[in-house]
Protein backbone atom coordinates (compact mmCIF):
# COMPACT_ATOMS: atom_id res chain seq x y z
CA MET A 1 0.00 0.00 0.00
CA ALA A 2 2.77 2.46 0.95
CA VAL A 3 4.67 1.83 -2.29
CA LYS A 4 1.50 2.50 -4.28
CA LEU A 5 1.01 5.82 -2.43
CA PHE A 6 4.65 6.71 -3.10
CA GLU A 7 4.23 5.98 -6.81
CA GLU A 8 1.05 8.08 -6.90
CA GLY A 9 3.03 10.88 -5.24
CA LEU A 10 5.73 10.62 -7.89
CA SER A 11 3.13 10.74 -10.62
CA LEU A 12 1.54 13.86 -9.12
CA LEU A 13 4.96 15.43 -8.69
CA ALA A 14 5.67 14.86 -12.38
CA LYS A 15 2.37 16.60 -13.17
CA LYS A 16 3.44 19.51 -10.92
CA ASP A 17 0.49 18.96 -8.57
CA TYR A 18 2.67 19.64 -5.55
CA LYS A 19 -0.03 19.82 -2.88
CA LYS A 20 -1.54 16.46 -3.76
CA ALA A 21 1.90 14.91 -4.20
CA MET A 22 2.89 16.12 -0.74
CA GLU A 23 -0.27 14.55 0.71
CA LYS A 24 0.63 11.20 -0.89
CA PHE A 25 4.20 11.35 0.42
CA ASN A 26 2.95 12.23 3.92
CA LYS A 27 0.52 9.30 3.85
CA THR A 28 3.34 7.04 2.69
CA VAL A 29 5.45 8.09 5.69
CA GLU A 30 2.52 7.34 8.02
CA GLN A 31 2.00 3.87 6.54
CA THR A 32 5.54 2.48 6.26
CA ASP A 33 8.40 1.42 8.48
CA ASN A 34 10.82 1.34 5.55
CA LEU A 35 13.43 3.95 6.50
CA GLN A 36 14.70 4.39 2.93
CA LEU A 37 11.19 5.07 1.68
CA VAL A 38 10.57 7.48 4.56
CA ALA A 39 13.80 9.35 3.72
CA LYS A 40 12.84 9.61 0.05
CA CYS A 41 9.35 10.81 0.97
CA LYS A 42 10.71 13.48 3.31
CA SER A 43 13.02 14.68 0.57
CA PHE A 44 10.11 14.91 -1.87
CA ILE A 45 7.93 16.60 0.78
CA ASN A 46 10.57 19.32 1.14
CA LEU A 47 10.76 19.68 -2.64
CA CYS A 48 6.97 20.03 -2.81
CA LYS A 49 7.01 22.71 -0.10
CA GLU A 50 9.62 24.69 -2.05
CA LYS A 51 7.66 24.38 -5.29
CA ILE A 52 4.42 25.44 -3.59
CA LYS A 53 6.15 28.56 -2.20
CA GLU A 54 7.60 29.37 -5.64
CA THR A 55 4.19 28.97 -7.25
CA GLU A 56 2.52 31.20 -4.64
CA LYS A 57 5.16 33.87 -5.16
CA LYS A 58 4.69 33.75 -8.95
CA ASN A 59 0.93 33.98 -8.52
CA GLU A 60 1.36 36.97 -6.22
CA GLU A 61 3.55 38.68 -8.82
CA ILE A 62 0.97 37.99 -11.51
CA ASP A 63 -1.76 39.44 -9.27
CA TYR A 64 0.33 42.56 -8.63
CA GLY A 65 0.90 42.95 -12.35
CA TYR A 66 -2.79 42.55 -13.06
CA ALA A 67 -3.67 45.09 -10.36
CA VAL A 68 -1.26 47.58 -11.96
CA TYR A 69 -2.80 46.87 -15.36
CA LEU A 70 -6.28 47.56 -13.96
CA ILE A 71 -5.13 50.77 -12.28
CA ASN A 72 -3.49 51.95 -15.50
CA ASN A 73 -6.77 51.34 -17.30
CA GLY A 74 -8.90 53.18 -14.75
CA LYS A 75 -10.47 50.03 -13.27
CA PHE A 76 -9.81 50.99 -9.67
CA GLU A 77 -12.53 48.95 -7.96
CA GLU A 78 -11.43 45.79 -9.79
CA SER A 79 -7.81 46.41 -8.83
CA LYS A 80 -8.81 46.74 -5.17
CA GLU A 81 -10.62 43.40 -5.38
CA ILE A 82 -7.51 41.72 -6.83
CA LEU A 83 -5.29 43.25 -4.15
CA GLU A 84 -7.70 42.26 -1.38
CA GLU A 85 -7.90 38.66 -2.63
CA THR A 86 -4.13 38.46 -2.97
CA PHE A 87 -3.60 39.56 0.59
CA LYS A 88 -6.27 37.48 2.22
CA LYS A 89 -3.75 34.72 1.55
CA LYS A 90 -0.83 36.68 2.98
CA LYS A 91 -0.47 37.94 6.54
CA ASP A 92 2.21 40.57 5.99
CA LYS A 93 1.17 43.31 3.66
CA THR A 94 4.02 45.09 1.92
CA ASP A 95 4.72 48.69 1.01
CA THR A 96 3.86 47.78 -2.59
CA TYR A 97 0.43 46.51 -1.56
CA TYR A 98 -0.34 49.65 0.44
CA TYR A 99 0.98 51.91 -2.31
CA LEU A 100 -1.09 50.25 -5.05
CA TYR A 101 -4.14 50.22 -2.81
CA ALA A 102 -3.64 53.93 -2.10
CA ILE A 103 -3.58 54.63 -5.85
CA ALA A 104 -6.73 52.57 -6.37
CA GLU A 105 -8.49 54.39 -3.53
CA ALA A 106 -7.45 57.78 -4.94
CA GLY A 107 -8.68 56.73 -8.37
CA SER A 108 -12.00 55.80 -6.75
CA ASN A 109 -12.13 59.31 -5.23
CA ASN A 110 -11.79 57.92 -1.73
CA HIS A 111 -9.05 60.29 -0.63
CA VAL A 112 -9.37 59.55 3.09
CA ASN A 113 -8.57 55.88 2.52
CA ALA A 114 -5.93 56.77 -0.08
CA LYS A 115 -4.13 58.86 2.53
CA LYS A 116 -4.41 56.08 5.11
CA TYR A 117 -2.91 53.49 2.77
CA LEU A 118 -0.22 55.82 1.51
CA GLN A 119 0.82 56.52 5.10
CA LYS A 120 1.02 52.77 5.73
CA ALA A 121 3.17 52.33 2.62
CA ILE A 122 5.48 55.11 3.77
CA SER A 123 5.74 53.61 7.26
CA HIS A 124 6.98 50.38 5.64
CA ASN A 125 9.25 52.17 3.18
CA PRO A 126 9.84 55.93 3.59
CA SER A 127 11.15 56.31 0.03
CA ILE A 128 7.61 55.59 -1.25
CA ILE A 129 6.87 59.28 -0.74
CA HIS A 130 9.08 60.04 -3.77
CA LEU A 131 6.99 57.73 -5.97
CA ALA A 132 3.78 59.17 -4.60
CA LEU A 133 4.88 62.73 -5.38
CA LYS A 134 5.24 61.66 -9.04
CA GLU A 135 1.97 59.74 -9.17
CA PRO A 136 -0.81 62.05 -10.47
CA LEU A 137 -3.51 60.32 -8.42
CA LEU A 138 -1.52 60.62 -5.17
CA LYS A 139 0.45 63.82 -5.68
CA ASP A 140 -1.84 66.15 -3.69
CA ILE A 141 -2.09 63.67 -0.83
CA ALA A 142 1.66 63.04 -0.86
CA VAL A 143 2.42 66.78 -0.75
CA LYS A 144 0.32 67.13 2.41
CA ILE A 145 2.03 64.16 4.02
CA ALA A 146 5.50 65.42 3.04
CA GLU A 147 4.76 68.84 4.57
CA LYS A 148 4.27 67.33 8.02
C-alpha cells in the first residue's frame, strides 16, 4: 500500500500537482516502516514545499501585475478586489500593496482611505513618498504628508 502511495506521489509530482503529491508522500510516511522510503518521501515533501512557495510567489507577482494593469486602465474597484484577494492569503502586507491600494483608492475618489494606505506604505518604506509625489492620483495627498 505504501509503495503504491509513493508511486502516486511521484506521478503527481511529475504533473506539478505539488499539494496532492505532498499529501501522498505524507501518507506514505505514516504507513511504512521502511526507513529508505521514509527518507525519500521526506526529501520529496521538502521539494513540494519549495515548489508550492515558488508557485505562490509567482501567482502573487501575476496578481500585482494585473492590479497595476487595472489601475493603468482606470479600473480601480477591480484592482482593489484583486489586491484584497491576494492579501487574504498573505499575513504581511508590503509597502507595494499599500501603495497600489492607495492609488486605487485615490482613483476611486476615496481620498481619506488613499491617505491612510499611503501613510502605511510610507511607514513600511519611507522612500515611497518620492513615488507618490510623481503619481498624479496621489500627488496632492503626498504633498500634504510630506509637509508634516
